Amino acid sequence: MATEKEIVVSGDKALKVADALNATTLKILKLIRKEPLSVTAIAKKLGLSEAYLSHEIQNLENLKIISTRYAKGTRGVSKISESALEKITITFNDEELSSSE
């Protein structure tokens, strides 16, 4: 049974989750497991553009892999990302596999 920190996905959602997980998003997840961070802080740590990371973070948020909140920053409001999960399980069944072939 899934806990609050775990999701079990299959079918179309499994494909979306698998598609969202790449080298960059795995680095993001590793960083925000240690501490909640703003897009700016993540960009500085990874040496990537804020625009690119914002897109990746939005995808992860839409899939409920991370959560975000807004906090007062040094220049206005910052979007803070934090890990929402500890584990993602992707399941397959024969019906799903045969229907996608």
PDB file of N, CA and C in Angstrom:
ATOM      1  N   MET A   1       0.839  -1.187   0.000  1.00  0.00           N
ATOM      2  CA  MET A   1       0.000   0.000   0.000  1.00  0.00           C
ATOM      3  C   MET A   1       0.876   1.240   0.000  1.00  0.00           C
ATOM      4  N   ALA A   2       0.505   2.238  -0.777  1.00  0.00           N
ATOM      5  CA  ALA A   2       1.293   3.460  -0.903  1.00  0.00           C
ATOM      6  C   ALA A   2       1.153   4.334   0.342  1.00  0.00           C
ATOM      7  N   THR A   3       2.254   4.919   0.759  1.00  0.00           N
ATOM      8  CA  THR A   3       2.235   5.871   1.862  1.00  0.00           C
ATOM      9  C   THR A   3       2.079   7.273   1.292  1.00  0.00           C
ATOM     10  N   GLU A   4       2.017   8.277   2.159  1.00  0.00           N
ATOM     11  CA  GLU A   4       1.920   9.650   1.685  1.00  0.00           C
ATOM     12  C   GLU A   4       3.141  10.046   0.860  1.00  0.00           C
ATOM     13  N   LYS A   5       4.269   9.462   1.122  1.00  0.00           N
ATOM     14  CA  LYS A   5       5.503   9.811   0.421  1.00  0.00           C
ATOM     15  C   LYS A   5       5.799   8.890  -0.746  1.00  0.00           C
ATOM     16  N   GLU A   6       4.816   8.107  -1.150  1.00  0.00           N
ATOM     17  CA  GLU A   6       5.011   7.167  -2.248  1.00  0.00           C
ATOM     18  C   GLU A   6       3.829   7.238  -3.195  1.00  0.00           C
ATOM     19  N   ILE A   7       4.114   7.140  -4.497  1.00  0.00           N
ATOM     20  CA  ILE A   7       3.029   6.992  -5.463  1.00  0.00           C
ATOM     21  C   ILE A   7       3.296   5.739  -6.286  1.00  0.00           C
ATOM     22  N   VAL A   8       2.221   5.114  -6.690  1.00  0.00           N
ATOM     23  CA  VAL A   8       2.287   3.967  -7.579  1.00  0.00           C
ATOM     24  C   VAL A   8       1.537   4.378  -8.835  1.00  0.00           C
ATOM     25  N   VAL A   9       2.221   4.308  -9.972  1.00  0.00           N
ATOM     26  CA  VAL A   9       1.618   4.749 -11.226  1.00  0.00           C
ATOM     27  C   VAL A   9       1.657   3.633 -12.253  1.00  0.00           C
ATOM     28  N   SER A  10       0.694   3.668 -13.162  1.00  0.00           N
ATOM     29  CA  SER A  10       0.656   2.714 -14.265  1.00  0.00           C
ATOM     30  C   SER A  10      -0.008   3.403 -15.447  1.00  0.00           C
ATOM     31  N   GLY A  11       0.004   2.729 -16.569  1.00  0.00           N
ATOM     32  CA  GLY A  11      -0.666   3.254 -17.756  1.00  0.00           C
ATOM     33  C   GLY A  11      -0.090   4.581 -18.228  1.00  0.00           C
ATOM     34  N   ASP A  12      -0.974   5.496 -18.650  1.00  0.00           N
ATOM     35  CA  ASP A  12      -0.551   6.794 -19.178  1.00  0.00           C
ATOM     36  C   ASP A  12       0.241   7.611 -18.163  1.00  0.00           C
ATOM     37  N   LYS A  13      -0.161   7.541 -16.899  1.00  0.00           N
ATOM     38  CA  LYS A  13       0.572   8.308 -15.878  1.00  0.00           C
ATOM     39  C   LYS A  13       1.994   7.773 -15.736  1.00  0.00           C
ATOM     40  N   ALA A  14       2.182   6.471 -15.836  1.00  0.00           N
ATOM     41  CA  ALA A  14       3.531   5.894 -15.760  1.00  0.00           C
ATOM     42  C   ALA A  14       4.396   6.414 -16.900  1.00  0.00           C
ATOM     43  N   LEU A  15       3.815   6.520 -18.093  1.00  0.00           N
ATOM     44  CA  LEU A  15       4.567   7.053 -19.229  1.00  0.00           C
ATOM     45  C   LEU A  15       4.955   8.509 -19.004  1.00  0.00           C
ATOM     46  N   LYS A  16       4.044   9.293 -18.445  1.00  0.00           N
ATOM     47  CA  LYS A  16       4.334  10.707 -18.173  1.00  0.00           C
ATOM     48  C   LYS A  16       5.429  10.848 -17.115  1.00  0.00           C
ATOM     49  N   VAL A  17       5.365  10.027 -16.079  1.00  0.00           N
ATOM     50  CA  VAL A  17       6.384  10.066 -15.024  1.00  0.00           C
ATOM     51  C   VAL A  17       7.733   9.648 -15.595  1.00  0.00           C
ATOM     52  N   ALA A  18       7.763   8.563 -16.352  1.00  0.00           N
ATOM     53  CA  ALA A  18       9.015   8.097 -16.942  1.00  0.00           C
ATOM     54  C   ALA A  18       9.601   9.145 -17.876  1.00  0.00           C
ATOM     55  N   ASP A  19       8.753   9.811 -18.637  1.00  0.00           N
ATOM     56  CA  ASP A  19       9.203  10.850 -19.558  1.00  0.00           C
ATOM     57  C   ASP A  19       9.773  12.060 -18.803  1.00  0.00           C
ATOM     58  N   ALA A  20       9.220  12.357 -17.643  1.00  0.00           N
ATOM     59  CA  ALA A  20       9.661  13.521 -16.868  1.00  0.00           C
ATOM     60  C   ALA A  20      10.984  13.292 -16.153  1.00  0.00           C
ATOM     61  N   LEU A  21      11.341  12.034 -15.935  1.00  0.00           N
ATOM     62  CA  LEU A  21      12.572  11.733 -15.204  1.00  0.00           C
ATOM     63  C   LEU A  21      13.754  11.635 -16.163  1.00  0.00           C
ATOM     64  N   ASN A  22      14.639  12.605 -16.051  1.00  0.00           N
ATOM     65  CA  ASN A  22      15.850  12.631 -16.862  1.00  0.00           C
ATOM     66  C   ASN A  22      17.004  13.060 -15.968  1.00  0.00           C
ATOM     67  N   ALA A  23      18.181  13.197 -16.526  1.00  0.00           N
ATOM     68  CA  ALA A  23      19.356  13.541 -15.713  1.00  0.00           C
ATOM     69  C   ALA A  23      19.147  14.844 -14.941  1.00  0.00           C
ATOM     70  N   THR A  24      18.557  15.834 -15.577  1.00  0.00           N
ATOM     71  CA  THR A  24      18.342  17.122 -14.910  1.00  0.00           C
ATOM     72  C   THR A  24      17.329  17.016 -13.790  1.00  0.00           C
ATOM     73  N   THR A  25      16.192  16.379 -14.059  1.00  0.00           N
ATOM     74  CA  THR A  25      15.165  16.308 -13.019  1.00  0.00           C
ATOM     75  C   THR A  25      15.629  15.449 -11.849  1.00  0.00           C
ATOM     76  N   LEU A  26      16.430  14.441 -12.117  1.00  0.00           N
ATOM     77  CA  LEU A  26      16.972  13.640 -11.012  1.00  0.00           C
ATOM     78  C   LEU A  26      17.923  14.470 -10.153  1.00  0.00           C
ATOM     79  N   LYS A  27      18.694  15.355 -10.775  1.00  0.00           N
ATOM     80  CA  LYS A  27      19.563  16.260 -10.009  1.00  0.00           C
ATOM     81  C   LYS A  27      18.728  17.233  -9.179  1.00  0.00           C
ATOM     82  N   ILE A  28      17.650  17.740  -9.764  1.00  0.00           N
ATOM     83  CA  ILE A  28      16.744  18.633  -9.029  1.00  0.00           C
ATOM     84  C   ILE A  28      16.192  17.908  -7.802  1.00  0.00           C
ATOM     85  N   LEU A  29      15.699  16.691  -8.016  1.00  0.00           N
ATOM     86  CA  LEU A  29      15.116  15.919  -6.912  1.00  0.00           C
ATOM     87  C   LEU A  29      16.141  15.649  -5.816  1.00  0.00           C
ATOM     88  N   LYS A  30      17.362  15.367  -6.208  1.00  0.00           N
ATOM     89  CA  LYS A  30      18.421  15.121  -5.227  1.00  0.00           C
ATOM     90  C   LYS A  30      18.686  16.382  -4.396  1.00  0.00           C
ATOM     91  N   LEU A  31      18.731  17.537  -5.050  1.00  0.00           N
ATOM     92  CA  LEU A  31      18.964  18.798  -4.334  1.00  0.00           C
ATOM     93  C   LEU A  31      17.838  19.130  -3.357  1.00  0.00           C
ATOM     94  N   ILE A  32      16.607  19.011  -3.824  1.00  0.00           N
ATOM     95  CA  ILE A  32      15.492  19.451  -2.967  1.00  0.00           C
ATOM     96  C   ILE A  32      15.103  18.421  -1.913  1.00  0.00           C
ATOM     97  N   ARG A  33      15.654  17.231  -1.992  1.00  0.00           N
ATOM     98  CA  ARG A  33      15.462  16.279  -0.881  1.00  0.00           C
ATOM     99  C   ARG A  33      16.223  16.754   0.352  1.00  0.00           C
ATOM    100  N   LYS A  34      17.349  17.447   0.125  1.00  0.00           N
ATOM    101  CA  LYS A  34      18.163  17.954   1.236  1.00  0.00           C
ATOM    102  C   LYS A  34      17.538  19.177   1.879  1.00  0.00           C
ATOM    103  N   GLU A  35      16.979  20.079   1.036  1.00  0.00           N
ATOM    104  CA  GLU A  35      16.380  21.311   1.537  1.00  0.00           C
ATOM    105  C   GLU A  35      15.508  21.935   0.458  1.00  0.00           C
ATOM    106  N   PRO A  36      14.443  22.622   0.836  1.00  0.00           N
ATOM    107  CA  PRO A  36      13.634  23.343  -0.150  1.00  0.00           C
ATOM    108  C   PRO A  36      14.482  24.447  -0.784  1.00  0.00           C
ATOM    109  N   LEU A  37      14.342  24.620  -2.106  1.00  0.00           N
ATOM    110  CA  LEU A  37      15.139  25.612  -2.819  1.00  0.00           C
ATOM    111  C   LEU A  37      14.299  26.363  -3.838  1.00  0.00           C
ATOM    112  N   SER A  38      14.707  27.594  -4.109  1.00  0.00           N
ATOM    113  CA  SER A  38      14.077  28.388  -5.165  1.00  0.00           C
ATOM    114  C   SER A  38      14.653  27.971  -6.518  1.00  0.00           C
ATOM    115  N   VAL A  39      13.963  28.356  -7.581  1.00  0.00           N
ATOM    116  CA  VAL A  39      14.452  28.078  -8.929  1.00  0.00           C
ATOM    117  C   VAL A  39      15.821  28.729  -9.121  1.00  0.00           C
ATOM    118  N   THR A  40      15.981  29.937  -8.614  1.00  0.00           N
ATOM    119  CA  THR A  40      17.260  30.646  -8.732  1.00  0.00           C
ATOM    120  C   THR A  40      18.390  29.862  -8.066  1.00  0.00           C
ATOM    121  N   ALA A  41      18.145  29.351  -6.866  1.00  0.00           N
ATOM    122  CA  ALA A  41      19.163  28.586  -6.147  1.00  0.00           C
ATOM    123  C   ALA A  41      19.495  27.289  -6.884  1.00  0.00           C
ATOM    124  N   ILE A  42      18.486  26.620  -7.406  1.00  0.00           N
ATOM    125  CA  ILE A  42      18.711  25.379  -8.157  1.00  0.00           C
ATOM    126  C   ILE A  42      19.526  25.692  -9.409  1.00  0.00           C
ATOM    127  N   ALA A  43      19.172  26.774 -10.102  1.00  0.00           N
ATOM    128  CA  ALA A  43      19.893  27.168 -11.325  1.00  0.00           C
ATOM    129  C   ALA A  43      21.372  27.423 -11.032  1.00  0.00           C
ATOM    130  N   LYS A  44      21.650  28.108  -9.951  1.00  0.00           N
ATOM    131  CA  LYS A  44      23.044  28.391  -9.581  1.00  0.00           C
ATOM    132  C   LYS A  44      23.799  27.105  -9.263  1.00  0.00           C
ATOM    133  N   LYS A  45      23.165  26.207  -8.520  1.00  0.00           N
ATOM    134  CA  LYS A  45      23.831  24.955  -8.129  1.00  0.00           C
ATOM    135  C   LYS A  45      24.090  24.036  -9.324  1.00  0.00           C
ATOM    136  N   LEU A  46      23.179  24.042 -10.298  1.00  0.00           N
ATOM    137  CA  LEU A  46      23.314  23.150 -11.450  1.00  0.00           C
ATOM    138  C   LEU A  46      23.949  23.823 -12.665  1.00  0.00           C
ATOM    139  N   GLY A  47      24.076  25.144 -12.628  1.00  0.00           N
ATOM    140  CA  GLY A  47      24.650  25.858 -13.759  1.00  0.00           C
ATOM    141  C   GLY A  47      23.762  25.839 -14.992  1.00  0.00           C
ATOM    142  N   LEU A  48      22.444  25.863 -14.772  1.00  0.00           N
ATOM    143  CA  LEU A  48      21.475  25.838 -15.865  1.00  0.00           C
ATOM    144  C   LEU A  48      20.590  27.074 -15.801  1.00  0.00           C
ATOM    145  N   SER A  49      19.901  27.371 -16.890  1.00  0.00           N
ATOM    146  CA  SER A  49      19.052  28.568 -16.927  1.00  0.00           C
ATOM    147  C   SER A  49      17.794  28.394 -16.073  1.00  0.00           C
ATOM    148  N   GLU A  50      17.345  29.501 -15.508  1.00  0.00           N
ATOM    149  CA  GLU A  50      16.113  29.481 -14.706  1.00  0.00           C
ATOM    150  C   GLU A  50      14.904  29.123 -15.566  1.00  0.00           C
ATOM    151  N   ALA A  51      14.885  29.578 -16.812  1.00  0.00           N
ATOM    152  CA  ALA A  51      13.754  29.289 -17.703  1.00  0.00           C
ATOM    153  C   ALA A  51      13.619  27.782 -17.931  1.00  0.00           C
ATOM    154  N   TYR A  52      14.736  27.126 -18.221  1.00  0.00           N
ATOM    155  CA  TYR A  52      14.720  25.675 -18.449  1.00  0.00           C
ATOM    156  C   TYR A  52      14.290  24.942 -17.181  1.00  0.00           C
ATOM    157  N   LEU A  53      14.867  25.335 -16.045  1.00  0.00           N
ATOM    158  CA  LEU A  53      14.527  24.669 -14.784  1.00  0.00           C
ATOM    159  C   LEU A  53      13.077  24.915 -14.386  1.00  0.00           C
ATOM    160  N   SER A  54      12.562  26.103 -14.657  1.00  0.00           N
ATOM    161  CA  SER A  54      11.153  26.396 -14.352  1.00  0.00           C
ATOM    162  C   SER A  54      10.234  25.436 -15.090  1.00  0.00           C
ATOM    163  N   HIS A  55      10.561  25.157 -16.338  1.00  0.00           N
ATOM    164  CA  HIS A  55       9.771  24.218 -17.140  1.00  0.00           C
ATOM    165  C   HIS A  55       9.832  22.807 -16.542  1.00  0.00           C
ATOM    166  N   GLU A  56      11.034  22.366 -16.194  1.00  0.00           N
ATOM    167  CA  GLU A  56      11.195  21.034 -15.612  1.00  0.00           C
ATOM    168  C   GLU A  56      10.475  20.932 -14.260  1.00  0.00           C
ATOM    169  N   ILE A  57      10.592  21.966 -13.450  1.00  0.00           N
ATOM    170  CA  ILE A  57       9.941  21.990 -12.133  1.00  0.00           C
ATOM    171  C   ILE A  57       8.422  21.973 -12.285  1.00  0.00           C
ATOM    172  N   GLN A  58       7.894  22.704 -13.257  1.00  0.00           N
ATOM    173  CA  GLN A  58       6.452  22.713 -13.501  1.00  0.00           C
ATOM    174  C   GLN A  58       5.960  21.312 -13.862  1.00  0.00           C
ATOM    175  N   ASN A  59       6.726  20.606 -14.707  1.00  0.00           N
ATOM    176  CA  ASN A  59       6.350  19.227 -15.066  1.00  0.00           C
ATOM    177  C   ASN A  59       6.322  18.330 -13.831  1.00  0.00           C
ATOM    178  N   LEU A  60       7.343  18.426 -13.000  1.00  0.00           N
ATOM    179  CA  LEU A  60       7.397  17.608 -11.781  1.00  0.00           C
ATOM    180  C   LEU A  60       6.254  17.958 -10.835  1.00  0.00           C
ATOM    181  N   GLU A  61       5.929  19.237 -10.756  1.00  0.00           N
ATOM    182  CA  GLU A  61       4.823  19.677  -9.894  1.00  0.00           C
ATOM    183  C   GLU A  61       3.489  19.155 -10.420  1.00  0.00           C
ATOM    184  N   ASN A  62       3.282  19.230 -11.715  1.00  0.00           N
ATOM    185  CA  ASN A  62       2.037  18.728 -12.316  1.00  0.00           C
ATOM    186  C   ASN A  62       1.832  17.239 -12.053  1.00  0.00           C
ATOM    187  N   LEU A  63       2.936  16.500 -11.972  1.00  0.00           N
ATOM    188  CA  LEU A  63       2.868  15.061 -11.710  1.00  0.00           C
ATOM    189  C   LEU A  63       2.841  14.734 -10.219  1.00  0.00           C
ATOM    190  N   LYS A  64       2.852  15.751  -9.377  1.00  0.00           N
ATOM    191  CA  LYS A  64       2.811  15.600  -7.907  1.00  0.00           C
ATOM    192  C   LYS A  64       4.075  14.940  -7.352  1.00  0.00           C
ATOM    193  N   ILE A  65       5.187  15.068  -8.089  1.00  0.00           N
ATOM    194  CA  ILE A  65       6.463  14.526  -7.626  1.00  0.00           C
ATOM    195  C   ILE A  65       7.127  15.505  -6.663  1.00  0.00           C
ATOM    196  N   ILE A  66       6.907  16.785  -6.903  1.00  0.00           N
ATOM    197  CA  ILE A  66       7.382  17.819  -5.986  1.00  0.00           C
ATOM    198  C   ILE A  66       6.228  18.728  -5.623  1.00  0.00           C
ATOM    199  N   SER A  67       6.409  19.497  -4.571  1.00  0.00           N
ATOM    200  CA  SER A  67       5.425  20.514  -4.225  1.00  0.00           C
ATOM    201  C   SER A  67       6.127  21.858  -4.220  1.00  0.00           C
ATOM    202  N   THR A  68       5.367  22.894  -4.427  1.00  0.00           N
ATOM    203  CA  THR A  68       5.933  24.238  -4.429  1.00  0.00           C
ATOM    204  C   THR A  68       5.096  25.148  -3.549  1.00  0.00           C
ATOM    205  N   ARG A  69       5.752  26.182  -3.088  1.00  0.00           N
ATOM    206  CA  ARG A  69       5.074  27.215  -2.308  1.00  0.00           C
ATOM    207  C   ARG A  69       5.758  28.525  -2.625  1.00  0.00           C
ATOM    208  N   TYR A  70       5.105  29.608  -2.304  1.00  0.00           N
ATOM    209  CA  TYR A  70       5.678  30.923  -2.533  1.00  0.00           C
ATOM    210  C   TYR A  70       6.134  31.516  -1.212  1.00  0.00           C
ATOM    211  N   ALA A  71       7.311  32.143  -1.248  1.00  0.00           N
ATOM    212  CA  ALA A  71       7.873  32.760  -0.048  1.00  0.00           C
ATOM    213  C   ALA A  71       8.470  34.106  -0.431  1.00  0.00           C
ATOM    214  N   LYS A  72       8.507  35.003   0.530  1.00  0.00           N
ATOM    215  CA  LYS A  72       9.097  36.312   0.288  1.00  0.00           C
ATOM    216  C   LYS A  72      10.588  36.140   0.019  1.00  0.00           C
ATOM    217  N   GLY A  73      11.038  36.700  -1.091  1.00  0.00           N
ATOM    218  CA  GLY A  73      12.443  36.619  -1.457  1.00  0.00           C
ATOM    219  C   GLY A  73      13.106  37.975  -1.319  1.00  0.00           C
ATOM    220  N   THR A  74      14.362  38.053  -1.726  1.00  0.00           N
ATOM    221  CA  THR A  74      15.083  39.324  -1.638  1.00  0.00           C
ATOM    222  C   THR A  74      14.532  40.348  -2.619  1.00  0.00           C
ATOM    223  N   ARG A  75      14.007  39.859  -3.745  1.00  0.00           N
ATOM    224  CA  ARG A  75      13.386  40.747  -4.744  1.00  0.00           C
ATOM    225  C   ARG A  75      11.992  40.245  -5.075  1.00  0.00           C
ATOM    226  N   GLY A  76      11.065  40.440  -4.201  1.00  0.00           N
ATOM    227  CA  GLY A  76       9.699  39.992  -4.456  1.00  0.00           C
ATOM    228  C   GLY A  76       9.435  38.609  -3.889  1.00  0.00           C
ATOM    229  N   VAL A  77       8.683  37.826  -4.650  1.00  0.00           N
ATOM    230  CA  VAL A  77       8.259  36.505  -4.200  1.00  0.00           C
ATOM    231  C   VAL A  77       9.034  35.437  -4.960  1.00  0.00           C
ATOM    232  N   SER A  78       9.467  34.403  -4.247  1.00  0.00           N
ATOM    233  CA  SER A  78      10.180  33.281  -4.856  1.00  0.00           C
ATOM    234  C   SER A  78       9.331  32.027  -4.776  1.00  0.00           C
ATOM    235  N   LYS A  79       9.409  31.220  -5.811  1.00  0.00           N
ATOM    236  CA  LYS A  79       8.743  29.923  -5.821  1.00  0.00           C
ATOM    237  C   LYS A  79       9.733  28.915  -5.257  1.00  0.00           C
ATOM    238  N   ILE A  80       9.355  28.263  -4.154  1.00  0.00           N
ATOM    239  CA  ILE A  80      10.218  27.312  -3.466  1.00  0.00           C
ATOM    240  C   ILE A  80       9.742  25.891  -3.776  1.00  0.00           C
ATOM    241  N   SER A  81      10.672  25.058  -4.215  1.00  0.00           N
ATOM    242  CA  SER A  81      10.353  23.664  -4.533  1.00  0.00           C
ATOM    243  C   SER A  81      10.862  22.755  -3.431  1.00  0.00           C
ATOM    244  N   GLU A  82      10.060  21.740  -3.116  1.00  0.00           N
ATOM    245  CA  GLU A  82      10.478  20.740  -2.145  1.00  0.00           C
ATOM    246  C   GLU A  82       9.965  19.373  -2.564  1.00  0.00           C
ATOM    247  N   SER A  83      10.662  18.367  -2.116  1.00  0.00           N
ATOM    248  CA  SER A  83      10.306  17.007  -2.474  1.00  0.00           C
ATOM    249  C   SER A  83       8.960  16.624  -1.863  1.00  0.00           C
ATOM    250  N   ALA A  84       8.102  16.013  -2.659  1.00  0.00           N
ATOM    251  CA  ALA A  84       6.805  15.559  -2.159  1.00  0.00           C
ATOM    252  C   ALA A  84       6.793  14.047  -1.964  1.00  0.00           C
ATOM    253  N   LEU A  85       7.799  13.365  -2.511  1.00  0.00           N
ATOM    254  CA  LEU A  85       7.812  11.902  -2.496  1.00  0.00           C
ATOM    255  C   LEU A  85       9.161  11.361  -2.072  1.00  0.00           C
ATOM    256  N   GLU A  86       9.129  10.148  -1.576  1.00  0.00           N
ATOM    257  CA  GLU A  86      10.359   9.403  -1.317  1.00  0.00           C
ATOM    258  C   GLU A  86      10.502   8.260  -2.312  1.00  0.00           C
ATOM    259  N   LYS A  87       9.384   7.837  -2.889  1.00  0.00           N
ATOM    260  CA  LYS A  87       9.415   6.657  -3.751  1.00  0.00           C
ATOM    261  C   LYS A  87       8.341   6.750  -4.828  1.00  0.00           C
ATOM    262  N   ILE A  88       8.727   6.359  -6.043  1.00  0.00           N
ATOM    263  CA  ILE A  88       7.788   6.243  -7.162  1.00  0.00           C
ATOM    264  C   ILE A  88       7.885   4.806  -7.669  1.00  0.00           C
ATOM    265  N   THR A  89       6.748   4.138  -7.744  1.00  0.00           N
ATOM    266  CA  THR A  89       6.712   2.779  -8.274  1.00  0.00           C
ATOM    267  C   THR A  89       5.911   2.792  -9.561  1.00  0.00           C
ATOM    268  N   ILE A  90       6.526   2.286 -10.616  1.00  0.00           N
ATOM    269  CA  ILE A  90       5.848   2.176 -11.908  1.00  0.00           C
ATOM    270  C   ILE A  90       5.471   0.714 -12.105  1.00  0.00           C
ATOM    271  N   THR A  91       4.180   0.476 -12.320  1.00  0.00           N
ATOM    272  CA  THR A  91       3.714  -0.893 -12.521  1.00  0.00           C
ATOM    273  C   THR A  91       3.222  -1.078 -13.951  1.00  0.00           C
ATOM    274  N   PHE A  92       3.349  -2.285 -14.421  1.00  0.00           N
ATOM    275  CA  PHE A  92       2.890  -2.652 -15.760  1.00  0.00           C
ATOM    276  C   PHE A  92       1.996  -3.875 -15.632  1.00  0.00           C
ATOM    277  N   ASN A  93       0.984  -3.917 -16.477  1.00  0.00           N
ATOM    278  CA  ASN A  93       0.212  -5.145 -16.559  1.00  0.00           C
ATOM    279  C   ASN A  93       0.071  -5.530 -18.023  1.00  0.00           C
ATOM    280  N   ASP A  94      -0.264  -6.755 -18.284  1.00  0.00           N
ATOM    281  CA  ASP A  94      -0.304  -7.267 -19.648  1.00  0.00           C
ATOM    282  C   ASP A  94      -1.262  -6.475 -20.541  1.00  0.00           C
ATOM    283  N   GLU A  95      -2.411  -6.063 -20.014  1.00  0.00           N
ATOM    284  CA  GLU A  95      -3.378  -5.322 -20.813  1.00  0.00           C
ATOM    285  C   GLU A  95      -2.804  -3.997 -21.299  1.00  0.00           C
ATOM    286  N   GLU A  96      -2.113  -3.276 -20.413  1.00  0.00           N
ATOM    287  CA  GLU A  96      -1.526  -1.995 -20.800  1.00  0.00           C
ATOM    288  C   GLU A  96      -0.434  -2.184 -21.837  1.00  0.00           C
ATOM    289  N   LEU A  97       0.376  -3.213 -21.687  1.00  0.00           N
ATOM    290  CA  LEU A  97       1.469  -3.447 -22.625  1.00  0.00           C
ATOM    291  C   LEU A  97       0.945  -3.832 -24.006  1.00  0.00           C
ATOM    292  N   SER A  98      -0.084  -4.660 -24.073  1.00  0.00           N
ATOM    293  CA  SER A  98      -0.598  -5.097 -25.369  1.00  0.00           C
ATOM    294  C   SER A  98      -1.377  -3.991 -26.072  1.00  0.00           C
ATOM    295  N   SER A  99      -1.993  -3.102 -25.327  1.00  0.00           N
ATOM    296  CA  SER A  99      -2.773  -2.022 -25.963  1.00  0.00           C
ATOM    297  C   SER A  99      -1.883  -0.934 -26.534  1.00  0.00           C
ATOM    298  N   SER A 100      -0.634  -0.821 -26.088  1.00  0.00           N
ATOM    299  CA  SER A 100       0.237   0.222 -26.600  1.00  0.00           C
ATOM    300  C   SER A 100       1.101  -0.242 -27.768  1.00  0.00           C
ATOM    301  N   GLU A 101       1.034  -1.505 -28.120  1.00  0.00           N
ATOM    302  CA  GLU A 101       1.858  -2.026 -29.220  1.00  0.00           C
ATOM    303  C   GLU A 101       1.262  -1.719 -30.567  1.00  0.00           C
TER     304      GLU A 101
END
